[in-house]
Amino acid sequence: VQLQAFGGGFVRAGGSLRLSCAVSGTIYSPNVMYWHRQAPGKQREMVGQIVRGGSTPGESTYYGDSVQGRVIISWDSAKNTMYLQMNSLKPEDTAVYYCQAHDLRSLKQYWGQGTLVTVSS
């Protein structure tokens, strides 16, 4: 299984950006997929997660307090891709964004490489 994150770039404050995390291979359900970010000089922070195949039918999403209401995580089964739609971006959203998958059956975890998001004021 390989994860590839892309879609980062430069955006002005108030703008929007959509990141993608393409999954090669199969991650069995139930699983949890995450977006994390790490800003320069700061610890890694979980942006949000999407739970698939859990006790709740369908998918469940959860978001960190710092992004709640401004981001949406989604999964496209046809494309085997997770998305992070980010709106109303702020300079403090500047960070390298990583995707992660946690196969809850095998307990294996997979990470994608980071994609840099820069938000100017």
C-alpha atoms as a PDB file:
ATOM      1  CA  VAL A   1       0.000   0.000   0.000  1.00  0.00           C
ATOM      2  CA  GLN A   2       1.281   3.433  -0.921  1.00  0.00           C
ATOM      3  CA  LEU A   3      -0.181   6.844  -0.236  1.00  0.00           C
ATOM      4  CA  GLN A   4       0.627   9.881  -2.312  1.00  0.00           C
ATOM      5  CA  ALA A   5      -0.408  13.331  -1.149  1.00  0.00           C
ATOM      6  CA  PHE A   6      -0.552  16.207  -3.576  1.00  0.00           C
ATOM      7  CA  GLY A   7      -2.336  19.457  -4.271  1.00  0.00           C
ATOM      8  CA  GLY A   8      -0.422  21.796  -1.995  1.00  0.00           C
ATOM      9  CA  GLY A   9       0.598  25.223  -3.121  1.00  0.00           C
ATOM     10  CA  PHE A  10       0.495  28.934  -2.459  1.00  0.00           C
ATOM     11  CA  VAL A  11      -2.806  30.623  -1.644  1.00  0.00           C
ATOM     12  CA  ARG A  12      -3.856  33.946  -0.181  1.00  0.00           C
ATOM     13  CA  ALA A  13      -5.659  34.193   3.123  1.00  0.00           C
ATOM     14  CA  GLY A  14      -9.356  33.564   2.693  1.00  0.00           C
ATOM     15  CA  GLY A  15      -8.792  31.295  -0.259  1.00  0.00           C
ATOM     16  CA  SER A  16      -9.434  27.604  -0.746  1.00  0.00           C
ATOM     17  CA  LEU A  17      -7.368  24.593  -1.627  1.00  0.00           C
ATOM     18  CA  ARG A  18      -8.091  20.902  -2.065  1.00  0.00           C
ATOM     19  CA  LEU A  19      -5.513  18.302  -1.187  1.00  0.00           C
ATOM     20  CA  SER A  20      -5.639  14.754  -2.465  1.00  0.00           C
ATOM     21  CA  CYS A  21      -4.266  11.527  -1.058  1.00  0.00           C
ATOM     22  CA  ALA A  22      -4.210   8.777  -3.662  1.00  0.00           C
ATOM     23  CA  VAL A  23      -4.056   5.224  -2.338  1.00  0.00           C
ATOM     24  CA  SER A  24      -2.352   2.475  -4.298  1.00  0.00           C
ATOM     25  CA  GLY A  25      -3.329  -0.948  -3.087  1.00  0.00           C
ATOM     26  CA  THR A  26      -6.102  -2.012  -0.776  1.00  0.00           C
ATOM     27  CA  ILE A  27      -6.775  -0.806   2.717  1.00  0.00           C
ATOM     28  CA  TYR A  28      -9.368  -3.074   4.232  1.00  0.00           C
ATOM     29  CA  SER A  29     -12.297  -1.939   6.288  1.00  0.00           C
ATOM     30  CA  PRO A  30     -12.642  -0.913   8.942  1.00  0.00           C
ATOM     31  CA  ASN A  31     -10.004   1.746   8.616  1.00  0.00           C
ATOM     32  CA  VAL A  32      -9.269   5.297   9.592  1.00  0.00           C
ATOM     33  CA  MET A  33      -7.640   7.776   7.287  1.00  0.00           C
ATOM     34  CA  TYR A  34      -6.117  10.979   8.573  1.00  0.00           C
ATOM     35  CA  TRP A  35      -4.819  14.298   7.467  1.00  0.00           C
ATOM     36  CA  HIS A  36      -2.094  15.724   9.661  1.00  0.00           C
ATOM     37  CA  ARG A  37      -0.030  18.845   9.331  1.00  0.00           C
ATOM     38  CA  GLN A  38       3.214  20.158  10.714  1.00  0.00           C
ATOM     39  CA  ALA A  39       4.133  23.808  10.686  1.00  0.00           C
ATOM     40  CA  PRO A  40       7.754  24.934  10.982  1.00  0.00           C
ATOM     41  CA  GLY A  41       8.934  24.666  14.552  1.00  0.00           C
ATOM     42  CA  LYS A  42       5.697  23.091  15.740  1.00  0.00           C
ATOM     43  CA  GLN A  43       4.525  19.623  16.589  1.00  0.00           C
ATOM     44  CA  ARG A  44       2.490  17.598  14.171  1.00  0.00           C
ATOM     45  CA  GLU A  45      -1.231  18.242  14.490  1.00  0.00           C
ATOM     46  CA  MET A  46      -4.140  16.114  13.387  1.00  0.00           C
ATOM     47  CA  VAL A  47      -6.330  18.050  10.979  1.00  0.00           C
ATOM     48  CA  GLY A  48      -9.067  15.462  10.733  1.00  0.00           C
ATOM     49  CA  GLN A  49      -9.988  11.889  10.088  1.00  0.00           C
ATOM     50  CA  ILE A  50     -12.487   9.781   8.218  1.00  0.00           C
ATOM     51  CA  VAL A  51     -13.583   6.432   9.588  1.00  0.00           C
ATOM     52  CA  ARG A  52     -14.777   3.871   7.082  1.00  0.00           C
ATOM     53  CA  GLY A  53     -16.447   0.579   7.857  1.00  0.00           C
ATOM     54  CA  GLY A  54     -16.756   1.255  11.555  1.00  0.00           C
ATOM     55  CA  SER A  55     -19.683   0.658  13.847  1.00  0.00           C
ATOM     56  CA  THR A  56     -21.487   3.634  12.329  1.00  0.00           C
ATOM     57  CA  PRO A  57     -22.851   2.848   8.849  1.00  0.00           C
ATOM     58  CA  GLY A  58     -21.125   4.707   6.060  1.00  0.00           C
ATOM     59  CA  GLU A  59     -18.359   7.130   6.908  1.00  0.00           C
ATOM     60  CA  SER A  60     -17.731   9.329   9.917  1.00  0.00           C
ATOM     61  CA  THR A  61     -15.536  12.396   9.966  1.00  0.00           C
ATOM     62  CA  TYR A  62     -13.902  14.271  12.826  1.00  0.00           C
ATOM     63  CA  TYR A  63     -11.949  17.493  12.730  1.00  0.00           C
ATOM     64  CA  GLY A  64      -9.467  19.300  14.889  1.00  0.00           C
ATOM     65  CA  ASP A  65     -10.627  22.395  16.724  1.00  0.00           C
ATOM     66  CA  SER A  66      -8.347  24.686  14.753  1.00  0.00           C
ATOM     67  CA  VAL A  67      -9.954  23.747  11.431  1.00  0.00           C
ATOM     68  CA  GLN A  68     -13.497  22.849  12.486  1.00  0.00           C
ATOM     69  CA  GLY A  69     -15.989  24.437  10.130  1.00  0.00           C
ATOM     70  CA  ARG A  70     -13.373  25.275   7.506  1.00  0.00           C
ATOM     71  CA  VAL A  71     -12.358  21.870   6.172  1.00  0.00           C
ATOM     72  CA  ILE A  72     -14.079  18.795   4.822  1.00  0.00           C
ATOM     73  CA  ILE A  73     -12.567  15.343   4.454  1.00  0.00           C
ATOM     74  CA  SER A  74     -14.085  13.011   1.917  1.00  0.00           C
ATOM     75  CA  TRP A  75     -13.375   9.671   0.262  1.00  0.00           C
ATOM     76  CA  ASP A  76     -13.923   8.718  -3.363  1.00  0.00           C
ATOM     77  CA  SER A  77     -14.104   4.944  -3.637  1.00  0.00           C
ATOM     78  CA  ALA A  78     -13.988   4.981  -7.428  1.00  0.00           C
ATOM     79  CA  LYS A  79     -10.695   6.854  -7.357  1.00  0.00           C
ATOM     80  CA  ASN A  80      -9.349   5.337  -4.142  1.00  0.00           C
ATOM     81  CA  THR A  81      -8.563   8.849  -3.044  1.00  0.00           C
ATOM     82  CA  MET A  82      -9.096  10.893   0.079  1.00  0.00           C
ATOM     83  CA  TYR A  83      -9.577  14.624  -0.163  1.00  0.00           C
ATOM     84  CA  LEU A  84      -9.108  17.555   2.178  1.00  0.00           C
ATOM     85  CA  GLN A  85     -11.098  20.583   1.092  1.00  0.00           C
ATOM     86  CA  MET A  86      -9.836  23.636   2.933  1.00  0.00           C
ATOM     87  CA  ASN A  87     -11.727  26.922   2.899  1.00  0.00           C
ATOM     88  CA  SER A  88     -11.225  30.313   4.531  1.00  0.00           C
ATOM     89  CA  LEU A  89      -7.539  29.592   4.792  1.00  0.00           C
ATOM     90  CA  LYS A  90      -5.448  31.513   7.292  1.00  0.00           C
ATOM     91  CA  PRO A  91      -1.703  32.146   7.442  1.00  0.00           C
ATOM     92  CA  GLU A  92      -1.560  29.816  10.450  1.00  0.00           C
ATOM     93  CA  ASP A  93      -2.705  26.987   8.182  1.00  0.00           C
ATOM     94  CA  THR A  94       0.711  27.110   6.537  1.00  0.00           C
ATOM     95  CA  ALA A  95       2.268  23.679   7.020  1.00  0.00           C
ATOM     96  CA  VAL A  96       3.299  20.466   5.383  1.00  0.00           C
ATOM     97  CA  TYR A  97       0.214  18.276   5.152  1.00  0.00           C
ATOM     98  CA  TYR A  98       0.473  14.501   5.400  1.00  0.00           C
ATOM     99  CA  CYS A  99      -2.042  11.728   4.892  1.00  0.00           C
ATOM    100  CA  GLN A 100      -2.081   8.528   6.886  1.00  0.00           C
ATOM    101  CA  ALA A 101      -4.072   5.324   6.714  1.00  0.00           C
ATOM    102  CA  HIS A 102      -4.647   2.932   9.582  1.00  0.00           C
ATOM    103  CA  ASP A 103      -5.937  -0.497   8.651  1.00  0.00           C
ATOM    104  CA  LEU A 104      -7.873  -1.543  11.746  1.00  0.00           C
ATOM    105  CA  ARG A 105      -7.940  -5.182  10.690  1.00  0.00           C
ATOM    106  CA  SER A 106      -4.202  -5.692  10.180  1.00  0.00           C
ATOM    107  CA  LEU A 107      -3.227  -2.728  12.407  1.00  0.00           C
ATOM    108  CA  LYS A 108      -0.823  -1.621   9.700  1.00  0.00           C
ATOM    109  CA  GLN A 109      -0.276   2.076   9.199  1.00  0.00           C
ATOM    110  CA  TYR A 110       0.743   3.831   6.029  1.00  0.00           C
ATOM    111  CA  TRP A 111       1.984   7.361   5.431  1.00  0.00           C
ATOM    112  CA  GLY A 112       2.165   9.526   2.384  1.00  0.00           C
ATOM    113  CA  GLN A 113       4.837  12.094   1.734  1.00  0.00           C
ATOM    114  CA  GLY A 114       3.966  15.648   2.669  1.00  0.00           C
ATOM    115  CA  THR A 115       2.603  18.387   0.488  1.00  0.00           C
ATOM    116  CA  LEU A 116       3.341  21.990   1.387  1.00  0.00           C
ATOM    117  CA  VAL A 117       0.568  24.532   1.814  1.00  0.00           C
ATOM    118  CA  THR A 118       1.572  28.174   2.145  1.00  0.00           C
ATOM    119  CA  VAL A 119      -1.044  30.785   3.026  1.00  0.00           C
ATOM    120  CA  SER A 120      -0.037  34.416   2.687  1.00  0.00           C
ATOM    121  CA  SER A 121      -1.643  37.250   4.603  1.00  0.00           C
END
